[in-house]
Amino acid sequence: LRDRLAHWFGSEDQGIAEYKSMIPGVDACTDCGICNERCPYGIDIPRKLRIVKSKITEGYVW
């Protein structure tokens, strides 16, 4: 499994850099839900942003 997901394990630094460079930043999310309405895949985007924020800023793994 680790071999199949190797691209995830080797890109943590890149993910953190991308997270920090987002404009507007994740903190700008007001949880209004407009992005959920617009997402063609039905992804709960505010929830995903909260997960990413907690993983990067607090090291919390969901």
PDB file of N, CA and C in Angstrom:
ATOM      1  N   LEU A   1       0.828  -1.197   0.000  1.00  0.00           N
ATOM      2  CA  LEU A   1       0.000   0.000   0.000  1.00  0.00           C
ATOM      3  C   LEU A   1       0.872   1.260   0.000  1.00  0.00           C
ATOM      4  N   ARG A   2       1.938   1.220   0.786  1.00  0.00           N
ATOM      5  CA  ARG A   2       2.821   2.389   0.826  1.00  0.00           C
ATOM      6  C   ARG A   2       3.395   2.690  -0.565  1.00  0.00           C
ATOM      7  N   ASP A   3       3.744   1.644  -1.330  1.00  0.00           N
ATOM      8  CA  ASP A   3       4.260   1.865  -2.687  1.00  0.00           C
ATOM      9  C   ASP A   3       3.212   2.500  -3.582  1.00  0.00           C
ATOM     10  N   ARG A   4       1.971   2.061  -3.432  1.00  0.00           N
ATOM     11  CA  ARG A   4       0.892   2.608  -4.259  1.00  0.00           C
ATOM     12  C   ARG A   4       0.613   4.063  -3.917  1.00  0.00           C
ATOM     13  N   LEU A   5       0.878   4.449  -2.664  1.00  0.00           N
ATOM     14  CA  LEU A   5       0.600   5.812  -2.232  1.00  0.00           C
ATOM     15  C   LEU A   5       1.874   6.620  -2.002  1.00  0.00           C
ATOM     16  N   ALA A   6       2.958   6.201  -2.601  1.00  0.00           N
ATOM     17  CA  ALA A   6       4.261   6.842  -2.384  1.00  0.00           C
ATOM     18  C   ALA A   6       4.221   8.334  -2.703  1.00  0.00           C
ATOM     19  N   HIS A   7       3.441   8.722  -3.704  1.00  0.00           N
ATOM     20  CA  HIS A   7       3.381  10.138  -4.068  1.00  0.00           C
ATOM     21  C   HIS A   7       2.783  10.973  -2.939  1.00  0.00           C
ATOM     22  N   TRP A   8       1.977  10.406  -2.071  1.00  0.00           N
ATOM     23  CA  TRP A   8       1.426  11.138  -0.937  1.00  0.00           C
ATOM     24  C   TRP A   8       2.473  11.333   0.138  1.00  0.00           C
ATOM     25  N   PHE A   9       3.243  10.287   0.415  1.00  0.00           N
ATOM     26  CA  PHE A   9       4.197  10.338   1.504  1.00  0.00           C
ATOM     27  C   PHE A   9       5.377  11.261   1.201  1.00  0.00           C
ATOM     28  N   GLY A  10       5.694  11.436  -0.054  1.00  0.00           N
ATOM     29  CA  GLY A  10       6.844  12.243  -0.422  1.00  0.00           C
ATOM     30  C   GLY A  10       6.514  13.697  -0.696  1.00  0.00           C
ATOM     31  N   SER A  11       5.263  14.111  -0.536  1.00  0.00           N
ATOM     32  CA  SER A  11       4.898  15.466  -0.941  1.00  0.00           C
ATOM     33  C   SER A  11       4.346  16.311   0.202  1.00  0.00           C
ATOM     34  N   GLU A  12       4.648  15.948   1.437  1.00  0.00           N
ATOM     35  CA  GLU A  12       4.140  16.716   2.569  1.00  0.00           C
ATOM     36  C   GLU A  12       4.642  18.155   2.546  1.00  0.00           C
ATOM     37  N   ASP A  13       5.929  18.338   2.276  1.00  0.00           N
ATOM     38  CA  ASP A  13       6.484  19.695   2.230  1.00  0.00           C
ATOM     39  C   ASP A  13       5.817  20.521   1.135  1.00  0.00           C
ATOM     40  N   GLN A  14       5.585  19.898  -0.001  1.00  0.00           N
ATOM     41  CA  GLN A  14       4.923  20.603  -1.099  1.00  0.00           C
ATOM     42  C   GLN A  14       3.495  20.971  -0.704  1.00  0.00           C
ATOM     43  N   GLY A  15       2.800  20.056  -0.037  1.00  0.00           N
ATOM     44  CA  GLY A  15       1.431  20.321   0.408  1.00  0.00           C
ATOM     45  C   GLY A  15       1.371  21.486   1.378  1.00  0.00           C
ATOM     46  N   ILE A  16       2.307  21.537   2.297  1.00  0.00           N
ATOM     47  CA  ILE A  16       2.356  22.633   3.267  1.00  0.00           C
ATOM     48  C   ILE A  16       2.637  23.957   2.561  1.00  0.00           C
ATOM     49  N   ALA A  17       3.552  23.942   1.603  1.00  0.00           N
ATOM     50  CA  ALA A  17       3.866  25.166   0.855  1.00  0.00           C
ATOM     51  C   ALA A  17       2.654  25.637   0.058  1.00  0.00           C
ATOM     52  N   GLU A  18       1.954  24.710  -0.580  1.00  0.00           N
ATOM     53  CA  GLU A  18       0.752  25.065  -1.348  1.00  0.00           C
ATOM     54  C   GLU A  18      -0.328  25.633  -0.427  1.00  0.00           C
ATOM     55  N   TYR A  19      -0.499  25.001   0.726  1.00  0.00           N
ATOM     56  CA  TYR A  19      -1.486  25.452   1.707  1.00  0.00           C
ATOM     57  C   TYR A  19      -1.199  26.891   2.124  1.00  0.00           C
ATOM     58  N   LYS A  20       0.061  27.183   2.423  1.00  0.00           N
ATOM     59  CA  LYS A  20       0.433  28.513   2.889  1.00  0.00           C
ATOM     60  C   LYS A  20       0.351  29.567   1.789  1.00  0.00           C
ATOM     61  N   SER A  21       0.409  29.147   0.524  1.00  0.00           N
ATOM     62  CA  SER A  21       0.387  30.110  -0.581  1.00  0.00           C
ATOM     63  C   SER A  21      -1.012  30.370  -1.124  1.00  0.00           C
ATOM     64  N   MET A  22      -2.020  29.691  -0.596  1.00  0.00           N
ATOM     65  CA  MET A  22      -3.388  29.866  -1.103  1.00  0.00           C
ATOM     66  C   MET A  22      -3.882  31.283  -0.841  1.00  0.00           C
ATOM     67  N   ILE A  23      -4.462  31.886  -1.878  1.00  0.00           N
ATOM     68  CA  ILE A  23      -5.040  33.220  -1.753  1.00  0.00           C
ATOM     69  C   ILE A  23      -6.445  33.166  -2.342  1.00  0.00           C
ATOM     70  N   PRO A  24      -7.489  33.456  -1.618  1.00  0.00           N
ATOM     71  CA  PRO A  24      -7.470  33.696  -0.176  1.00  0.00           C
ATOM     72  C   PRO A  24      -7.143  32.413   0.565  1.00  0.00           C
ATOM     73  N   GLY A  25      -6.656  32.559   1.765  1.00  0.00           N
ATOM     74  CA  GLY A  25      -6.263  31.411   2.574  1.00  0.00           C
ATOM     75  C   GLY A  25      -7.458  30.620   3.097  1.00  0.00           C
ATOM     76  N   VAL A  26      -7.185  29.481   3.627  1.00  0.00           N
ATOM     77  CA  VAL A  26      -8.217  28.602   4.167  1.00  0.00           C
ATOM     78  C   VAL A  26      -9.014  29.307   5.261  1.00  0.00           C
ATOM     79  N   ASP A  27      -8.369  30.178   6.013  1.00  0.00           N
ATOM     80  CA  ASP A  27      -9.054  30.902   7.085  1.00  0.00           C
ATOM     81  C   ASP A  27     -10.133  31.840   6.566  1.00  0.00           C
ATOM     82  N   ALA A  28     -10.117  32.144   5.284  1.00  0.00           N
ATOM     83  CA  ALA A  28     -11.125  33.030   4.702  1.00  0.00           C
ATOM     84  C   ALA A  28     -12.464  32.309   4.494  1.00  0.00           C
ATOM     85  N   CYS A  29     -12.477  31.002   4.620  1.00  0.00           N
ATOM     86  CA  CYS A  29     -13.714  30.230   4.429  1.00  0.00           C
ATOM     87  C   CYS A  29     -14.712  30.593   5.520  1.00  0.00           C
ATOM     88  N   THR A  30     -15.917  30.958   5.120  1.00  0.00           N
ATOM     89  CA  THR A  30     -16.972  31.310   6.072  1.00  0.00           C
ATOM     90  C   THR A  30     -17.982  30.184   6.241  1.00  0.00           C
ATOM     91  N   ASP A  31     -17.717  29.054   5.588  1.00  0.00           N
ATOM     92  CA  ASP A  31     -18.613  27.896   5.671  1.00  0.00           C
ATOM     93  C   ASP A  31     -20.008  28.228   5.137  1.00  0.00           C
ATOM     94  N   CYS A  32     -20.049  29.083   4.108  1.00  0.00           N
ATOM     95  CA  CYS A  32     -21.336  29.506   3.545  1.00  0.00           C
ATOM     96  C   CYS A  32     -21.979  28.420   2.681  1.00  0.00           C
ATOM     97  N   GLY A  33     -21.147  27.502   2.152  1.00  0.00           N
ATOM     98  CA  GLY A  33     -21.680  26.390   1.372  1.00  0.00           C
ATOM     99  C   GLY A  33     -21.805  26.625  -0.123  1.00  0.00           C
ATOM    100  N   ILE A  34     -21.460  27.809  -0.588  1.00  0.00           N
ATOM    101  CA  ILE A  34     -21.572  28.096  -2.023  1.00  0.00           C
ATOM    102  C   ILE A  34     -20.689  27.148  -2.834  1.00  0.00           C
ATOM    103  N   CYS A  35     -19.486  26.875  -2.331  1.00  0.00           N
ATOM    104  CA  CYS A  35     -18.586  25.982  -3.062  1.00  0.00           C
ATOM    105  C   CYS A  35     -19.174  24.568  -3.135  1.00  0.00           C
ATOM    106  N   ASN A  36     -19.894  24.149  -2.101  1.00  0.00           N
ATOM    107  CA  ASN A  36     -20.543  22.826  -2.142  1.00  0.00           C
ATOM    108  C   ASN A  36     -21.592  22.767  -3.237  1.00  0.00           C
ATOM    109  N   GLU A  37     -22.346  23.844  -3.384  1.00  0.00           N
ATOM    110  CA  GLU A  37     -23.371  23.903  -4.431  1.00  0.00           C
ATOM    111  C   GLU A  37     -22.741  23.846  -5.814  1.00  0.00           C
ATOM    112  N   ARG A  38     -21.567  24.425  -5.959  1.00  0.00           N
ATOM    113  CA  ARG A  38     -20.905  24.502  -7.261  1.00  0.00           C
ATOM    114  C   ARG A  38     -20.051  23.281  -7.592  1.00  0.00           C
ATOM    115  N   CYS A  39     -19.717  22.486  -6.582  1.00  0.00           N
ATOM    116  CA  CYS A  39     -18.840  21.331  -6.804  1.00  0.00           C
ATOM    117  C   CYS A  39     -19.590  20.222  -7.547  1.00  0.00           C
ATOM    118  N   PRO A  40     -19.122  19.856  -8.744  1.00  0.00           N
ATOM    119  CA  PRO A  40     -19.821  18.818  -9.513  1.00  0.00           C
ATOM    120  C   PRO A  40     -19.636  17.413  -8.937  1.00  0.00           C
ATOM    121  N   TYR A  41     -18.760  17.265  -7.938  1.00  0.00           N
ATOM    122  CA  TYR A  41     -18.485  15.951  -7.371  1.00  0.00           C
ATOM    123  C   TYR A  41     -19.141  15.742  -6.011  1.00  0.00           C
ATOM    124  N   GLY A  42     -19.855  16.733  -5.527  1.00  0.00           N
ATOM    125  CA  GLY A  42     -20.537  16.611  -4.253  1.00  0.00           C
ATOM    126  C   GLY A  42     -19.607  16.574  -3.050  1.00  0.00           C
ATOM    127  N   ILE A  43     -18.434  17.182  -3.171  1.00  0.00           N
ATOM    128  CA  ILE A  43     -17.463  17.193  -2.085  1.00  0.00           C
ATOM    129  C   ILE A  43     -17.840  18.274  -1.071  1.00  0.00           C
ATOM    130  N   ASP A  44     -17.789  17.944   0.199  1.00  0.00           N
ATOM    131  CA  ASP A  44     -18.025  18.910   1.272  1.00  0.00           C
ATOM    132  C   ASP A  44     -16.716  19.688   1.466  1.00  0.00           C
ATOM    133  N   ILE A  45     -16.551  20.721   0.697  1.00  0.00           N
ATOM    134  CA  ILE A  45     -15.293  21.458   0.637  1.00  0.00           C
ATOM    135  C   ILE A  45     -14.943  22.136   1.968  1.00  0.00           C
ATOM    136  N   PRO A  46     -15.866  22.820   2.642  1.00  0.00           N
ATOM    137  CA  PRO A  46     -15.492  23.400   3.938  1.00  0.00           C
ATOM    138  C   PRO A  46     -14.996  22.346   4.928  1.00  0.00           C
ATOM    139  N   ARG A  47     -15.585  21.178   4.929  1.00  0.00           N
ATOM    140  CA  ARG A  47     -15.129  20.102   5.817  1.00  0.00           C
ATOM    141  C   ARG A  47     -13.708  19.678   5.447  1.00  0.00           C
ATOM    142  N   LYS A  48     -13.458  19.518   4.155  1.00  0.00           N
ATOM    143  CA  LYS A  48     -12.117  19.137   3.706  1.00  0.00           C
ATOM    144  C   LYS A  48     -11.092  20.203   4.086  1.00  0.00           C
ATOM    145  N   LEU A  49     -11.461  21.470   3.971  1.00  0.00           N
ATOM    146  CA  LEU A  49     -10.542  22.547   4.353  1.00  0.00           C
ATOM    147  C   LEU A  49     -10.232  22.491   5.849  1.00  0.00           C
ATOM    148  N   ARG A  50     -11.249  22.197   6.676  1.00  0.00           N
ATOM    149  CA  ARG A  50     -11.007  22.075   8.114  1.00  0.00           C
ATOM    150  C   ARG A  50     -10.061  20.922   8.417  1.00  0.00           C
ATOM    151  N   ILE A  51     -10.227  19.813   7.707  1.00  0.00           N
ATOM    152  CA  ILE A  51      -9.352  18.655   7.902  1.00  0.00           C
ATOM    153  C   ILE A  51      -7.912  19.003   7.538  1.00  0.00           C
ATOM    154  N   VAL A  52      -7.729  19.612   6.374  1.00  0.00           N
ATOM    155  CA  VAL A  52      -6.380  19.986   5.928  1.00  0.00           C
ATOM    156  C   VAL A  52      -5.749  20.960   6.912  1.00  0.00           C
ATOM    157  N   LYS A  53      -6.530  21.951   7.340  1.00  0.00           N
ATOM    158  CA  LYS A  53      -5.998  22.935   8.284  1.00  0.00           C
ATOM    159  C   LYS A  53      -5.537  22.253   9.571  1.00  0.00           C
ATOM    160  N   SER A  54      -6.340  21.348  10.093  1.00  0.00           N
ATOM    161  CA  SER A  54      -5.962  20.697  11.349  1.00  0.00           C
ATOM    162  C   SER A  54      -4.739  19.791  11.168  1.00  0.00           C
ATOM    163  N   LYS A  55      -4.633  19.143  10.006  1.00  0.00           N
ATOM    164  CA  LYS A  55      -3.460  18.290   9.759  1.00  0.00           C
ATOM    165  C   LYS A  55      -2.192  19.109   9.651  1.00  0.00           C
ATOM    166  N   ILE A  56      -2.264  20.250   8.990  1.00  0.00           N
ATOM    167  CA  ILE A  56      -1.070  21.037   8.744  1.00  0.00           C
ATOM    168  C   ILE A  56      -0.707  21.887   9.962  1.00  0.00           C
ATOM    169  N   THR A  57      -1.683  22.509  10.598  1.00  0.00           N
ATOM    170  CA  THR A  57      -1.358  23.412  11.695  1.00  0.00           C
ATOM    171  C   THR A  57      -1.217  22.707  13.033  1.00  0.00           C
ATOM    172  N   GLU A  58      -1.941  21.609  13.239  1.00  0.00           N
ATOM    173  CA  GLU A  58      -1.920  20.952  14.537  1.00  0.00           C
ATOM    174  C   GLU A  58      -1.342  19.531  14.484  1.00  0.00           C
ATOM    175  N   GLY A  59      -1.114  19.033  13.272  1.00  0.00           N
ATOM    176  CA  GLY A  59      -0.605  17.676  13.128  1.00  0.00           C
ATOM    177  C   GLY A  59      -1.646  16.612  13.401  1.00  0.00           C
ATOM    178  N   TYR A  60      -2.896  17.024  13.486  1.00  0.00           N
ATOM    179  CA  TYR A  60      -3.979  16.085  13.784  1.00  0.00           C
ATOM    180  C   TYR A  60      -4.312  15.259  12.553  1.00  0.00           C
ATOM    181  N   VAL A  61      -4.428  13.958  12.713  1.00  0.00           N
ATOM    182  CA  VAL A  61      -4.753  13.059  11.619  1.00  0.00           C
ATOM    183  C   VAL A  61      -6.175  12.568  11.793  1.00  0.00           C
ATOM    184  N   TRP A  62      -6.994  12.768  10.790  1.00  0.00           N
ATOM    185  CA  TRP A  62      -8.394  12.349  10.846  1.00  0.00           C
ATOM    186  C   TRP A  62      -8.543  10.921  10.477  1.00  0.00           C
TER     187      TRP A  62
END
